[in-house]
Protein backbone atom coordinates (compact mmCIF):
# COMPACT_ATOMS: atom_id res chain seq x y z
CA MET A 1 -8.86 2.57 18.68
CA LEU A 2 -5.75 4.70 18.80
CA ILE A 3 -4.06 2.72 16.03
CA GLY A 4 -7.16 3.12 13.85
CA GLN A 5 -7.14 6.87 14.44
CA LEU A 6 -3.43 7.00 13.57
CA GLY A 7 -4.02 5.01 10.38
CA ARG A 8 -6.83 7.30 9.25
CA ALA A 9 -4.79 10.42 10.01
CA LEU A 10 -1.84 9.05 8.04
CA GLN A 11 -4.11 8.21 5.11
CA ASP A 12 -5.66 11.67 5.22
CA GLU A 13 -2.26 13.34 4.97
CA LEU A 14 -0.88 10.90 2.40
CA PHE A 15 -3.79 11.15 -0.01
CA SER A 16 -4.14 14.90 0.43
CA ARG A 17 -0.47 15.35 -0.44
CA LEU A 18 -0.72 12.90 -3.34
CA ALA A 19 -3.60 14.97 -4.73
CA GLU A 20 -1.45 18.11 -4.46
CA GLN A 21 1.33 16.28 -6.34
CA GLY A 22 -0.81 15.29 -9.31
CA HIS A 23 -2.72 12.21 -8.15
CA PRO A 24 -6.15 13.49 -7.07
CA HIS A 25 -8.10 10.35 -7.98
CA VAL A 26 -6.11 7.79 -6.01
CA ARG A 27 -7.91 6.55 -2.90
CA PRO A 28 -6.76 4.51 0.09
CA ARG A 29 -8.19 1.28 -1.37
CA HIS A 30 -5.92 1.75 -4.41
CA GLY A 31 -2.92 1.65 -2.10
CA THR A 32 -3.81 -1.97 -1.36
CA VAL A 33 -2.57 -2.86 -4.84
CA LEU A 34 -0.13 -0.06 -5.66
CA SER A 35 1.88 -0.53 -2.46
CA VAL A 36 2.69 -4.17 -3.29
CA LEU A 37 2.89 -3.98 -7.11
CA PRO A 38 6.42 -4.53 -8.45
CA GLU A 39 7.47 -2.44 -11.46
CA SER A 40 7.79 -5.67 -13.45
CA GLY A 41 4.15 -6.48 -12.73
CA ALA A 42 2.39 -9.34 -10.97
CA ARG A 43 -0.63 -11.58 -11.41
CA ALA A 44 -3.78 -10.66 -9.50
CA THR A 45 -3.43 -13.81 -7.39
CA GLU A 46 0.03 -12.66 -6.28
CA LEU A 47 -1.28 -9.17 -5.51
CA ALA A 48 -4.06 -10.74 -3.42
CA ARG A 49 -1.49 -12.78 -1.49
CA LEU A 50 0.86 -9.83 -0.96
CA SER A 51 -1.93 -7.47 0.11
CA GLY A 52 -3.88 -9.96 2.21
CA GLN A 53 -7.06 -9.19 0.26
CA HIS A 54 -9.40 -11.55 -1.60
CA LYS A 55 -8.71 -11.95 -5.31
CA GLN A 56 -12.15 -10.51 -6.13
CA ILE A 57 -11.42 -7.33 -4.19
CA VAL A 58 -8.04 -7.00 -5.90
CA GLY A 59 -9.78 -7.48 -9.27
CA VAL A 60 -12.16 -4.59 -8.57
CA ILE A 61 -9.28 -2.36 -7.45
CA VAL A 62 -7.24 -3.28 -10.53
CA ASP A 63 -10.25 -2.44 -12.75
CA GLU A 64 -10.41 1.00 -11.11
CA LEU A 65 -6.66 1.53 -11.49
CA VAL A 66 -6.83 0.56 -15.18
CA GLU A 67 -9.62 3.09 -15.69
CA LEU A 68 -7.59 5.77 -13.88
CA GLY A 69 -4.49 4.98 -15.97
CA TYR A 70 -2.26 3.70 -13.14
CA VAL A 71 -1.93 0.10 -14.31
CA ARG A 72 -2.50 -1.97 -17.42
CA ARG A 73 -3.06 -5.67 -17.99
CA GLU A 74 -0.57 -7.51 -20.18
CA SER A 75 -0.15 -11.13 -21.21
CA ASP A 76 2.18 -12.98 -18.87
CA PRO A 77 5.18 -14.07 -20.98
CA SER A 78 5.46 -17.28 -18.94
CA ASP A 79 1.80 -18.19 -19.54
CA ARG A 80 -0.09 -16.39 -22.31
CA ARG A 81 -3.43 -17.37 -20.74
CA ALA A 82 -2.58 -15.39 -17.60
CA LYS A 83 -2.47 -11.61 -17.23
CA LEU A 84 0.06 -9.45 -15.45
CA VAL A 85 -0.92 -6.20 -13.78
CA VAL A 86 1.83 -3.73 -14.68
CA PRO A 87 2.17 -0.15 -13.44
CA THR A 88 2.05 2.60 -16.05
CA GLU A 89 4.27 5.68 -15.85
CA ALA A 90 1.56 7.32 -13.72
CA GLY A 91 1.50 4.29 -11.42
CA VAL A 92 5.27 4.31 -10.96
CA ASP A 93 5.13 8.05 -10.25
CA GLU A 94 2.34 7.65 -7.68
CA VAL A 95 4.19 4.88 -5.84
CA ALA A 96 7.42 6.91 -5.75
CA LYS A 97 5.60 9.98 -4.45
CA ALA A 98 3.65 7.97 -1.86
CA ARG A 99 6.86 6.40 -0.54
CA ALA A 100 8.55 9.81 -0.33
CA ILE A 101 5.56 11.31 1.49
CA LEU A 102 5.45 8.43 3.97
CA ALA A 103 9.20 8.71 4.57
CA ALA A 104 8.79 12.45 5.27
CA ILE A 105 5.94 11.77 7.69
CA GLU A 106 8.02 9.16 9.49
CA GLN A 107 11.00 11.52 9.66
CA ARG A 108 8.79 14.27 11.09
CA HIS A 109 7.59 11.97 13.86
CA ARG A 110 11.14 10.75 14.52
CA GLU A 111 12.26 14.37 14.95
CA GLU A 112 9.29 15.16 17.23
CA LEU A 113 9.91 12.16 19.52
CA GLY A 114 13.67 11.80 19.24
CA ASP A 115 15.47 8.83 17.73
CA GLU A 116 15.45 6.55 20.78
CA THR A 117 11.78 7.10 21.67
CA TYR A 118 10.73 6.69 18.05
CA ARG A 119 12.78 3.50 17.66
CA THR A 120 11.22 2.09 20.86
CA PHE A 121 7.73 3.05 19.66
CA LYS A 122 8.25 1.46 16.25
CA THR A 123 9.68 -1.74 17.73
CA ALA A 124 6.75 -2.03 20.14
CA LEU A 125 4.23 -1.37 17.35
CA GLU A 126 5.85 -4.00 15.12
CA HIS A 127 5.73 -6.50 18.01
CA ILE A 128 2.07 -5.78 18.74
CA THR A 129 1.18 -6.03 15.04
CA HIS A 130 2.95 -9.39 14.68
CA SER A 131 1.41 -10.67 17.89
CA GLN A 132 -2.09 -9.55 16.88
CA ARG A 133 -1.85 -11.32 13.54
CA GLY A 134 -1.62 -14.58 15.46
CA TRP A 135 -4.75 -13.98 17.53
CA GLN A 136 -6.49 -17.11 16.26
CA SER A 137 -3.79 -19.41 17.61
CA LEU A 138 -4.52 -17.97 21.07
CA GLN A 139 -8.12 -19.26 20.87
CA ARG A 140 -7.03 -22.91 20.94
């Protein structure tokens, strides 16, 4: 429960600050795609794999991002039948601002806790996250 509360609080701050910095229409679900989208673009299937979401969900999010002007679809030069999702200038700007905001939030928490406590916290959280992802193997 605590991790969920932390995640929601981080999202609240991130998207509030993004709105203040010129991106008022971006929502947490959009981060599913924008956070894993390389500047050179990627196919929707690759975005689904990188984000851990179903291709259909990624497709809906990409449609929304196209409508908002954050990405565009282009022919894949390696296969003209396939489409690449490529960030626009607005998309690149949003990603850069989101990363800077998240880095500032992390730095703030590091300063509040101190380097050693923060490092211990982050290591423990990474361990728990990795361990939890393998929950199904524990059922056998």
